[in-house]
């Protein structure tokens, strides 16, 4: 398999991105893509030589300064000033894995030949990507409407030798890295600064990163849910395909099938039950987890459309001989999708915490708080508190960001999406879901010990064996913070094939 991913017109899919990230593939423009970029730049240069009227963002100011005409001698300075003045990000640094996706998605958007970038500029972004030169970008500053202006300014500053980058584990001045590689700062041409700053690559990169994380977590939620079913001495009947065929939501069908497969040949699930029904948090796993799966499909469709689009402004159409100022930078589709993602993933944590609560409640023959000598030992009483605290925080984070808007640029930009806020909220929320699932795994594995000598399925026993290398059975009270962290690490590093969790 080639270790190069060629940037082409082919639709960039989620599994392709996952392979690029996991396999550490390098990027390269196809010959056809190079031609598109060069043709667009040549068209724009010729247009500027013959066209004296103002064209927004090319020979005018920006935002509410759109009526200010700029002399042709100052067009490079205009683009550089734009980049410097818009680098107003603050707050935490954007995680480097998200920054790397921002580079990939900016390259993809500029590759379609509707943005007017120089080939040299796009290739320098590729150089940054391929050499793990990752600009320092900040989480706060984007309204998610005129593009992700502030974050993309920080992403782009190193092209002209300004700003900072992460390189080999530490932050360096961009100008020093350019010297190290003997690269000259890019001399920006007309429109290039705007092409780099306008766009939705901050929101999109967060969205793609979180989709990959969410698909994996929903798969793991099904696995851990199956463990909890056996730990709680649950029934298999609610997962019978007949139940789900008469209410055939795709996600529901998929989750029920997974649970049946995960519990195949389990001694515990096959044993005679004293109870007729299980609580909803066990019985309704297909309906709840499945609804989240269906939501992820909607979110994926939105983001796959977005990352295979041109999202800067104005747009250049060579064949039609038109330069049109529009609004493809507006993040409303992404803001709504990210809010929907937040709500859907919050529910995965909500129902997981309820299963943890049931496991520690002293029901179904399990000791209270899953420990010998309860009273002397508090056992697993407090991890459930921790999960409950996180679930409550998620409910706050899941409040939609997209219903807010604040006027900017002196009234010219009078409706914004706040999708960037939705993105950073979603990041916190999704990683919180991983923590809640880790706590359920900790509890379910502890509870299964009290079911011995009866065992769960061979598949789940194999998972438990791997998990027990990191987290041992708790005989008496101990420092559980370390076990929770080890459980989180186990979930974050466990390998799942694309075919398992992306289909």
Protein backbone atom coordinates (compact mmCIF):
# COMPACT_ATOMS: atom_id res chain seq x y z
CA UNK A 1 0.00 0.00 0.00
CA UNK A 2 1.35 3.44 -0.97
CA UNK A 3 2.32 5.77 1.86
CA UNK A 4 1.22 8.77 -0.23
CA UNK A 5 -2.27 10.20 -0.43
CA UNK A 6 -2.81 12.14 -3.64
CA UNK A 7 -5.04 15.20 -3.49
CA UNK A 8 -7.54 14.79 -6.34
CA UNK A 9 -11.18 15.50 -7.12
CA UNK A 10 -12.12 12.14 -5.57
CA UNK A 11 -14.40 12.54 -2.58
CA UNK A 12 -12.43 12.51 0.65
CA UNK A 13 -14.21 9.93 2.84
CA UNK A 14 -14.05 9.33 6.59
CA UNK A 15 -12.29 5.97 6.29
CA UNK A 16 -9.73 7.51 3.91
CA UNK A 17 -8.93 10.21 6.46
CA UNK A 18 -8.68 7.60 9.21
CA UNK A 19 -6.14 5.67 7.13
CA UNK A 20 -4.17 8.84 6.34
CA UNK A 21 -3.95 9.62 10.06
CA UNK A 22 -3.29 6.12 11.39
CA UNK A 23 -0.77 5.16 8.69
CA UNK A 24 0.96 8.57 8.76
CA UNK A 25 0.56 9.04 5.02
CA UNK A 26 2.22 11.95 3.23
CA UNK A 27 0.27 14.29 0.96
CA UNK A 28 0.97 15.12 -2.68
CA UNK A 29 -0.99 16.99 -5.33
CA UNK A 30 -1.97 15.05 -8.43
CA UNK A 31 -0.88 16.52 -11.77
CA UNK A 32 -4.51 17.40 -12.57
CA UNK A 33 -4.88 19.22 -9.24
CA UNK A 34 -1.70 21.22 -9.84
CA UNK A 35 -3.06 22.26 -13.22
CA UNK A 36 -6.36 23.44 -11.72
CA UNK A 37 -4.59 25.56 -9.11
CA UNK A 38 -2.22 27.13 -11.67
CA UNK A 39 -5.00 27.86 -14.16
CA UNK A 40 -7.07 29.63 -11.54
CA UNK A 41 -4.13 31.75 -10.41
CA UNK A 42 -3.27 32.67 -14.01
CA UNK A 43 -6.89 33.66 -14.66
CA UNK A 44 -6.92 35.89 -11.58
CA UNK A 45 -3.60 37.56 -12.49
CA UNK A 46 -4.89 38.31 -15.99
CA UNK A 47 -8.17 39.61 -14.59
CA UNK A 48 -6.33 41.94 -12.21
CA UNK A 49 -4.21 43.29 -15.09
CA UNK A 50 -7.25 44.16 -17.20
CA UNK A 51 -9.95 44.89 -14.60
CA UNK A 52 -9.81 48.20 -12.73
CA UNK A 53 -13.10 47.98 -10.85
CA UNK A 54 -13.20 46.92 -7.17
CA UNK A 55 -13.47 43.15 -6.58
CA UNK A 56 -14.21 42.29 -2.96
CA UNK A 57 -11.24 40.94 -1.03
CA UNK A 58 -8.96 41.08 -4.06
CA UNK A 59 -8.39 44.82 -4.39
CA UNK A 60 -10.64 46.07 -1.58
CA UNK A 61 -10.66 46.05 2.20
CA UNK A 62 -12.46 43.37 4.15
CA UNK A 63 -15.71 43.07 6.09
CA UNK A 64 -17.32 46.49 6.53
CA UNK A 65 -14.29 48.01 4.71
CA UNK A 66 -15.40 46.37 1.46
CA UNK A 67 -15.79 49.74 -0.28
CA UNK A 68 -12.17 50.81 0.28
CA UNK A 69 -10.20 50.35 -2.98
CA UNK A 70 -6.58 49.23 -2.59
CA UNK A 71 -3.80 50.30 -4.96
CA UNK A 72 -2.32 47.43 -6.98
CA UNK A 73 1.13 48.12 -5.50
CA UNK A 74 -0.18 47.27 -2.03
CA UNK A 75 -1.97 43.99 -2.74
CA UNK A 76 0.70 41.78 -1.11
CA UNK A 77 0.79 44.09 1.89
CA UNK A 78 -3.02 43.93 2.04
CA UNK A 79 -2.98 40.14 2.28
CA UNK A 80 -0.20 40.10 4.88
CA UNK A 81 -1.97 42.74 6.97
CA UNK A 82 -5.14 40.69 6.80
CA UNK A 83 -3.35 37.63 8.14
CA UNK A 84 -1.58 39.49 10.95
CA UNK A 85 -4.58 41.53 12.07
CA UNK A 86 -6.87 38.51 12.19
CA UNK A 87 -4.52 36.37 14.31
CA UNK A 88 -6.42 37.26 17.48
CA UNK A 89 -6.96 33.80 18.89
CA UNK A 90 -6.79 33.15 22.60
CA UNK A 91 -7.60 30.42 25.10
CA UNK A 92 -6.18 26.92 24.99
CA UNK A 93 -4.12 25.61 22.12
CA UNK A 94 -5.98 23.50 19.58
CA UNK A 95 -4.85 19.86 19.93
CA UNK A 96 -2.13 19.09 17.40
CA UNK A 97 -4.05 16.20 15.84
CA UNK A 98 -6.84 18.68 15.04
CA UNK A 99 -4.36 21.25 13.65
CA UNK A 100 -2.96 18.60 11.32
CA UNK A 101 -6.49 17.91 10.06
CA UNK A 102 -6.96 21.67 9.55
CA UNK A 103 -3.93 21.66 7.24
CA UNK A 104 -5.26 18.66 5.30
CA UNK A 105 -8.71 20.17 4.88
CA UNK A 106 -7.39 23.61 3.89
CA UNK A 107 -5.22 21.97 1.23
CA UNK A 108 -8.23 19.99 0.00
CA UNK A 109 -10.43 23.10 -0.27
CA UNK A 110 -7.78 25.14 -2.13
CA UNK A 111 -7.16 22.25 -4.54
CA UNK A 112 -10.41 22.70 -6.48
CA UNK A 113 -9.18 25.75 -8.39
CA UNK A 114 -11.82 28.25 -7.28
CA UNK A 115 -9.73 30.12 -4.69
CA UNK A 116 -6.88 31.76 -6.59
CA UNK A 117 -4.04 30.45 -4.43
CA UNK A 118 -0.55 30.08 -5.83
CA UNK A 119 0.66 26.52 -6.31
CA UNK A 120 3.65 27.48 -4.16
CA UNK A 121 1.34 28.36 -1.27
CA UNK A 122 -0.55 25.07 -1.40
CA UNK A 123 2.68 23.10 -1.65
CA UNK A 124 4.09 24.88 1.40
CA UNK A 125 1.00 23.83 3.39
CA UNK A 126 1.75 20.29 2.22
CA UNK A 127 5.36 20.70 3.36
CA UNK A 128 4.10 21.68 6.81
CA UNK A 129 1.80 18.66 6.92
CA UNK A 130 4.38 16.16 5.69
CA UNK A 131 7.08 17.37 8.08
CA UNK A 132 4.78 17.65 11.13
CA UNK A 133 5.29 21.41 11.31
CA UNK A 134 2.04 22.26 13.06
CA UNK A 135 1.11 25.92 13.58
CA UNK A 136 0.08 26.97 17.08
CA UNK A 137 -3.66 27.71 16.86
CA UNK A 138 -6.00 28.79 19.64
CA UNK A 139 -9.49 27.55 20.48
CA UNK A 140 -11.18 30.92 20.97
CA UNK A 141 -11.75 33.62 18.38
CA UNK A 142 -13.95 32.27 15.60
CA UNK A 143 -17.62 33.20 15.17
CA UNK A 144 -17.98 30.40 12.63
CA UNK A 145 -19.33 32.64 9.90
CA UNK A 146 -16.77 34.73 7.98
CA UNK A 147 -14.86 31.54 7.94
CA UNK A 148 -12.87 30.53 10.98
CA UNK A 149 -10.91 33.75 10.65
CA UNK A 150 -8.78 33.88 13.80
CA UNK A 151 -7.84 30.17 13.92
CA UNK A 152 -7.05 30.08 10.20
CA UNK A 153 -4.93 33.24 10.53
CA UNK A 154 -2.80 31.45 13.12
CA UNK A 155 -2.68 28.39 10.86
CA UNK A 156 -1.47 30.51 7.93
CA UNK A 157 0.96 32.96 9.58
CA UNK A 158 3.93 30.55 9.33
CA UNK A 159 3.63 30.70 5.53
CA UNK A 160 4.97 34.26 5.68
CA UNK A 161 7.44 33.50 8.48
CA UNK A 162 5.32 34.78 11.36
CA UNK A 163 3.70 33.01 14.30
CA UNK A 164 4.75 29.83 16.04
CA UNK A 165 4.73 26.13 15.23
CA UNK A 166 5.04 22.85 17.06
CA UNK A 167 8.08 21.00 15.74
CA UNK A 168 9.57 17.83 17.22
CA UNK A 169 7.89 18.23 20.57
CA UNK A 170 8.39 21.93 21.27
CA UNK A 171 7.17 25.34 20.12
CA UNK A 172 9.46 27.19 17.69
CA UNK A 173 9.33 30.50 15.87
CA UNK A 174 8.04 29.89 12.35
CA UNK A 175 10.83 31.97 10.85
CA UNK A 176 13.42 29.64 12.44
CA UNK A 177 11.80 26.57 10.93
CA UNK A 178 11.71 28.22 7.50
CA UNK A 179 15.45 28.87 7.84
CA UNK A 180 16.07 25.28 8.92
CA UNK A 181 14.43 23.96 5.75
CA UNK A 182 15.85 26.77 3.58
CA UNK A 183 12.33 27.90 2.66
CA UNK A 184 11.64 31.50 1.77
CA UNK A 185 8.50 33.13 3.20
CA UNK A 186 5.60 33.02 0.72
CA UNK A 187 4.99 36.33 -1.06
CA UNK A 188 1.22 36.40 -1.01
CA UNK A 189 -0.57 37.54 -4.15
CA UNK A 190 -3.99 39.13 -4.48
CA UNK A 191 -6.78 37.27 -2.65
CA UNK A 192 -4.46 34.67 -1.13
CA UNK A 193 -4.78 35.85 2.44
CA UNK A 194 -8.55 35.79 2.14
CA UNK A 195 -8.46 32.33 0.56
CA UNK A 196 -6.44 31.08 3.53
CA UNK A 197 -8.52 32.77 6.25
CA UNK A 198 -12.01 32.36 4.81
CA UNK A 199 -13.17 28.80 5.21
CA UNK A 200 -14.54 26.37 7.74
CA UNK A 201 -11.47 24.22 8.36
CA UNK A 202 -11.39 24.83 12.15
CA UNK A 203 -14.96 23.59 12.58
CA UNK A 204 -14.48 20.89 9.95
CA UNK A 205 -11.28 19.51 11.49
CA UNK A 206 -12.91 19.29 14.90
CA UNK A 207 -15.94 17.65 13.32
CA UNK A 208 -13.93 15.01 11.45
CA UNK A 209 -11.75 14.27 14.48
CA UNK A 210 -14.82 13.92 16.70
CA UNK A 211 -16.69 11.78 14.19
CA UNK A 212 -13.83 9.28 14.12
CA UNK A 213 -13.71 9.35 17.92
CA UNK A 214 -17.50 9.07 18.24
CA UNK A 215 -17.84 6.12 15.87
CA UNK A 216 -15.20 4.28 17.87
CA UNK A 217 -16.84 5.18 21.18
CA UNK A 218 -20.29 4.06 20.07
CA UNK A 219 -18.81 0.71 19.06
CA UNK A 220 -17.10 0.46 22.45
CA UNK A 221 -20.33 1.50 24.16
CA UNK A 222 -21.98 -1.55 22.57
CA UNK A 223 -19.12 -3.80 23.72
CA UNK A 224 -19.16 -2.42 27.27
CA UNK A 225 -22.96 -2.49 27.32
CA UNK A 226 -22.81 -6.20 26.45
CA UNK A 227 -20.35 -6.76 29.31
CA UNK A 228 -22.73 -4.97 31.66
CA UNK A 229 -25.68 -7.06 30.50
CA UNK A 230 -23.87 -10.23 31.53
CA UNK A 231 -22.50 -8.62 34.69
CA UNK A 232 -26.09 -7.71 35.67
CA UNK A 233 -27.41 -11.15 34.70
CA UNK A 234 -29.48 -9.54 31.96
CA UNK A 235 -31.76 -11.15 29.38
CA UNK A 236 -31.03 -11.62 25.68
CA UNK A 237 -34.65 -11.52 24.47
CA UNK A 238 -34.83 -7.71 23.98
CA UNK A 239 -32.10 -8.07 21.33
CA UNK A 240 -33.97 -10.61 19.22
CA UNK A 241 -34.03 -9.43 15.62
CA UNK A 242 -37.81 -9.80 15.44
CA UNK A 243 -38.25 -6.97 17.94
CA UNK A 244 -36.19 -4.60 15.81
CA UNK A 245 -37.52 -5.58 12.39
CA UNK A 246 -40.93 -4.19 13.37
CA UNK A 247 -39.27 -0.83 14.18
CA UNK A 248 -36.44 -0.93 11.66
CA UNK A 249 -34.30 2.12 12.39
CA UNK A 250 -30.89 1.33 10.89
CA UNK A 251 -28.93 2.14 14.04
CA UNK A 252 -31.26 0.11 16.22
CA UNK A 253 -30.92 -2.94 13.97
CA UNK A 254 -27.14 -2.58 13.88
CA UNK A 255 -26.73 -2.29 17.65
CA UNK A 256 -29.06 -5.22 18.41
CA UNK A 257 -27.09 -7.38 15.97
CA UNK A 258 -23.81 -6.35 17.57
CA UNK A 259 -25.04 -7.19 21.06
CA UNK A 260 -26.21 -10.62 19.92
CA UNK A 261 -22.81 -11.26 18.33
CA UNK A 262 -20.86 -9.98 21.33
CA UNK A 263 -22.81 -12.28 23.70
CA UNK A 264 -22.72 -15.36 21.48
CA UNK A 265 -21.87 -18.51 23.49
CA UNK A 266 -21.96 -16.66 26.82
CA UNK A 267 -22.65 -18.98 29.76
CA UNK A 268 -24.14 -16.10 31.72
CA UNK A 269 -26.62 -14.97 29.08
CA UNK A 270 -27.78 -18.58 28.59
CA UNK A 271 -28.47 -19.33 32.24
CA UNK A 272 -32.03 -19.40 33.59
CA UNK A 273 -33.25 -16.00 34.83
CA UNK A 274 -35.30 -15.25 37.94
CA UNK A 275 -36.48 -11.88 36.62
CA UNK A 276 -38.82 -11.17 33.70
CA UNK A 277 -37.45 -7.79 32.63
CA UNK A 278 -34.31 -5.63 32.83
CA UNK A 279 -34.16 -1.87 33.43
CA UNK A 280 -34.28 0.37 30.36
CA UNK A 281 -30.55 1.11 30.50
CA UNK A 282 -29.96 -2.55 29.56
CA UNK A 283 -33.12 -3.48 27.69
CA UNK A 284 -33.18 -0.37 25.48
CA UNK A 285 -29.51 -0.31 24.44
CA UNK A 286 -30.44 -0.83 20.75
CA UNK A 287 -32.98 1.98 20.79
CA UNK A 288 -30.72 4.49 22.58
CA UNK A 289 -27.30 3.61 21.16
CA UNK A 290 -28.95 3.06 17.79
CA UNK A 291 -30.43 6.55 17.70
CA UNK A 292 -26.97 7.98 18.32
CA UNK A 293 -25.61 5.84 15.47
CA UNK A 294 -28.24 7.25 13.13
CA UNK A 295 -27.36 10.78 14.25
CA UNK A 296 -23.69 10.13 13.46
CA UNK A 297 -24.70 9.18 9.93
CA UNK A 298 -26.41 12.57 9.49
CA UNK A 299 -23.42 14.40 10.97
CA UNK A 300 -21.05 12.44 8.72
CA UNK A 301 -23.03 13.36 5.61
CA UNK A 302 -22.83 17.05 6.55
CA UNK A 303 -19.10 17.00 7.19
CA UNK A 304 -18.17 14.88 4.17
CA UNK A 305 -20.04 17.39 1.98
CA UNK A 306 -18.22 20.26 3.70
CA UNK A 307 -14.66 18.96 3.48
CA UNK A 308 -15.10 18.26 -0.24
CA UNK A 309 -16.24 21.83 -0.89
CA UNK A 310 -14.87 25.30 -1.56
CA UNK A 311 -15.58 27.45 1.49
CA UNK A 312 -13.62 30.67 0.96
CA UNK A 313 -14.87 33.89 -0.63
CA UNK A 314 -15.05 35.23 -3.30
CA UNK A 315 -15.17 32.22 -5.62
CA UNK A 316 -13.49 32.18 -9.02
CA UNK A 317 -15.18 30.46 -11.99
CA UNK A 318 -12.80 30.35 -14.95
CA UNK A 319 -15.14 28.79 -17.53
CA UNK A 320 -17.90 31.28 -16.77
CA UNK A 321 -15.43 34.20 -16.49
CA UNK A 322 -16.93 35.23 -13.16
CA UNK A 323 -15.66 36.17 -9.70
CA UNK A 324 -18.59 36.00 -7.28
CA UNK A 325 -18.75 37.10 -3.68
CA UNK A 326 -21.03 34.78 -1.71
CA UNK A 327 -21.22 33.14 1.69
CA UNK A 328 -19.81 29.61 1.53
CA UNK A 329 -17.74 30.41 4.63
CA UNK A 330 -20.87 30.47 6.81
CA UNK A 331 -20.74 27.59 9.28
CA UNK A 332 -24.46 27.10 9.91
CA UNK A 333 -24.62 23.52 8.54
CA UNK A 334 -21.66 22.56 10.71
CA UNK A 335 -22.94 24.37 13.80
CA UNK A 336 -26.24 22.51 13.67
CA UNK A 337 -24.49 19.18 13.01
CA UNK A 338 -22.04 19.70 15.88
CA UNK A 339 -24.87 20.54 18.26
CA UNK A 340 -26.70 17.40 17.16
CA UNK A 341 -23.49 15.41 17.70
CA UNK A 342 -23.21 16.83 21.22
CA UNK A 343 -26.75 15.80 22.12
CA UNK A 344 -26.40 12.32 20.62
CA UNK A 345 -23.10 11.54 22.31
CA UNK A 346 -24.27 12.95 25.64
CA UNK A 347 -26.95 10.24 25.59
CA UNK A 348 -24.32 7.51 25.27
CA UNK A 349 -22.83 8.75 28.54
CA UNK A 350 -26.24 9.21 30.16
CA UNK A 351 -27.30 5.61 29.66
CA UNK A 352 -23.83 4.28 30.51
CA UNK A 353 -23.91 6.02 33.90
CA UNK A 354 -27.33 4.45 34.58
CA UNK A 355 -25.93 0.98 33.95
CA UNK A 356 -23.06 1.75 36.33
CA UNK A 357 -25.60 2.86 38.93
CA UNK A 358 -27.50 -0.42 38.58
CA UNK A 359 -24.32 -2.48 38.88
CA UNK A 360 -23.33 -0.92 42.21
CA UNK A 361 -26.83 -1.03 43.73
CA UNK A 362 -26.56 -4.49 45.29
CA UNK A 363 -29.13 -6.11 42.99
CA UNK A 364 -29.15 -9.42 41.09
CA UNK A 365 -26.87 -11.18 43.57
CA UNK A 366 -24.08 -8.62 43.33
CA UNK A 367 -22.62 -7.17 46.56
CA UNK A 368 -23.38 -3.50 47.28
CA UNK A 369 -20.77 -1.33 45.54
CA UNK A 370 -19.14 -4.42 44.05
CA UNK A 371 -16.77 -5.14 46.91
CA UNK A 372 -16.37 -7.70 49.69
CA UNK A 373 -17.10 -6.43 53.19
CA UNK A 374 -19.19 -3.40 52.15
CA UNK A 375 -19.25 -0.88 54.95
CA UNK A 376 -15.66 -1.46 55.88
CA UNK A 377 -15.02 -0.94 52.16
CA UNK A 378 -16.76 1.73 50.08
CA UNK A 379 -15.77 -0.14 46.94
CA UNK A 380 -17.16 1.33 43.74
CA UNK A 381 -19.49 3.83 45.38
CA UNK A 382 -17.67 6.95 44.26
CA UNK A 383 -16.77 6.17 40.63
CA UNK A 384 -20.52 6.34 40.00
CA UNK A 385 -20.50 9.82 41.56
CA UNK A 386 -17.71 10.77 39.16
CA UNK A 387 -19.69 9.46 36.20
CA UNK A 388 -22.78 11.35 37.38
CA UNK A 389 -20.75 14.58 37.65
CA UNK A 390 -19.42 14.16 34.11
CA UNK A 391 -22.88 13.37 32.74
CA UNK A 392 -24.21 16.57 34.32
CA UNK A 393 -21.37 18.58 32.78
CA UNK A 394 -22.21 17.07 29.40
CA UNK A 395 -25.81 18.23 29.70
CA UNK A 396 -24.49 21.76 30.07
CA UNK A 397 -22.08 21.38 27.14
CA UNK A 398 -24.88 19.93 24.97
CA UNK A 399 -26.83 23.20 25.11
CA UNK A 400 -26.91 24.31 21.44
CA UNK A 401 -24.37 26.95 20.44
CA UNK A 402 -26.00 27.43 17.04
CA UNK A 403 -29.04 29.26 18.42
CA UNK A 404 -26.85 32.26 19.31
CA UNK A 405 -25.58 35.03 17.05
CA UNK A 406 -23.73 38.30 17.74
CA UNK A 407 -23.35 41.11 15.18
CA UNK A 408 -19.78 41.82 14.05
CA UNK A 409 -17.82 43.93 11.53
CA UNK A 410 -19.88 47.06 12.07
CA UNK A 411 -23.09 45.27 11.08
CA UNK A 412 -21.84 43.83 7.79
CA UNK A 413 -21.56 40.37 9.34
CA UNK A 414 -24.89 40.44 11.14
CA UNK A 415 -25.60 36.72 11.55
CA UNK A 416 -22.98 34.21 12.62
CA UNK A 417 -23.17 30.48 13.33
CA UNK A 418 -21.13 30.10 16.53
CA UNK A 419 -20.13 26.72 15.09
CA UNK A 420 -16.59 27.10 16.41
CA UNK A 421 -17.94 27.21 19.96
CA UNK A 422 -20.05 24.14 19.18
CA UNK A 423 -16.88 22.42 17.97
CA UNK A 424 -14.84 23.05 21.11
CA UNK A 425 -17.80 22.13 23.33
CA UNK A 426 -18.23 18.91 21.37
CA UNK A 427 -14.55 18.11 21.89
CA UNK A 428 -14.91 18.34 25.67
CA UNK A 429 -18.16 16.40 25.61
CA UNK A 430 -16.96 13.49 23.45
CA UNK A 431 -13.86 12.99 25.57
CA UNK A 432 -16.11 13.08 28.64
CA UNK A 433 -18.11 10.22 27.10
CA UNK A 434 -14.92 8.17 26.92
CA UNK A 435 -14.37 8.74 30.65
CA UNK A 436 -17.91 7.65 31.54
CA UNK A 437 -17.59 4.50 29.42
CA UNK A 438 -14.25 3.75 31.10
CA UNK A 439 -15.98 3.90 34.49
CA UNK A 440 -18.68 1.51 33.26
CA UNK A 441 -15.99 -0.87 32.01
CA UNK A 442 -14.28 -0.71 35.41
CA UNK A 443 -17.57 -1.57 37.16
CA UNK A 444 -18.69 -4.26 34.71
CA UNK A 445 -15.35 -6.08 34.86
CA UNK A 446 -15.48 -5.97 38.68
CA UNK A 447 -19.05 -7.29 38.71
CA UNK A 448 -18.22 -10.17 36.36
CA UNK A 449 -15.71 -11.45 38.91
CA UNK A 450 -18.63 -12.15 41.26
CA UNK A 451 -20.29 -14.29 38.55
CA UNK A 452 -17.44 -16.81 38.45
CA UNK A 453 -17.17 -19.66 37.67
CA UNK A 454 -19.77 -18.76 35.01
CA UNK A 455 -18.25 -16.76 32.18
CA UNK A 456 -19.33 -14.33 29.54
CA UNK A 457 -18.76 -14.93 25.81
CA UNK A 458 -15.36 -15.90 24.38
CA UNK A 459 -15.17 -12.52 22.60
CA UNK A 460 -15.80 -10.56 25.79
CA UNK A 461 -13.53 -12.83 27.84
CA UNK A 462 -10.73 -12.00 25.38
CA UNK A 463 -11.40 -8.29 25.93
CA UNK A 464 -11.40 -8.76 29.71
CA UNK A 465 -8.09 -10.62 29.56
CA UNK A 466 -6.48 -7.70 27.73
CA UNK A 467 -8.06 -5.20 30.13
CA UNK A 468 -6.90 -7.10 33.20
CA UNK A 469 -3.29 -6.55 32.12
CA UNK A 470 -3.87 -2.87 32.92
CA UNK A 471 -6.55 -2.97 35.63
CA UNK A 472 -6.78 -5.73 38.24
CA UNK A 473 -9.72 -6.90 40.34
CA UNK A 474 -10.22 -4.70 43.41
CA UNK A 475 -10.25 -6.79 46.62
CA UNK A 476 -10.43 -3.88 49.08
CA UNK A 477 -10.50 -0.09 48.98
CA UNK A 478 -7.68 1.47 47.01
CA UNK A 479 -6.79 4.60 45.04
CA UNK A 480 -9.28 4.24 42.14
CA UNK A 481 -8.16 7.37 40.27
CA UNK A 482 -5.33 5.31 38.76
CA UNK A 483 -7.70 2.51 37.70
CA UNK A 484 -10.04 5.01 36.06
CA UNK A 485 -7.16 6.59 34.15
CA UNK A 486 -5.86 3.18 33.11
CA UNK A 487 -9.36 2.31 31.87
CA UNK A 488 -9.53 5.53 29.84
CA UNK A 489 -6.11 4.78 28.36
CA UNK A 490 -7.22 1.24 27.50
CA UNK A 491 -10.23 2.54 25.56
CA UNK A 492 -8.28 5.27 23.78
CA UNK A 493 -5.54 2.91 22.59
CA UNK A 494 -7.49 -0.26 21.80
CA UNK A 495 -7.31 -0.90 18.05
CA UNK A 496 -10.53 -1.40 16.15
CA UNK A 497 -10.46 -2.07 12.41
CA UNK A 498 -12.21 0.49 10.15
CA UNK A 499 -14.63 -2.17 9.03
CA UNK A 500 -15.80 -2.69 12.61
CA UNK A 501 -16.66 0.84 13.68
CA UNK A 502 -17.05 2.91 10.50
CA UNK A 503 -19.61 0.62 8.85
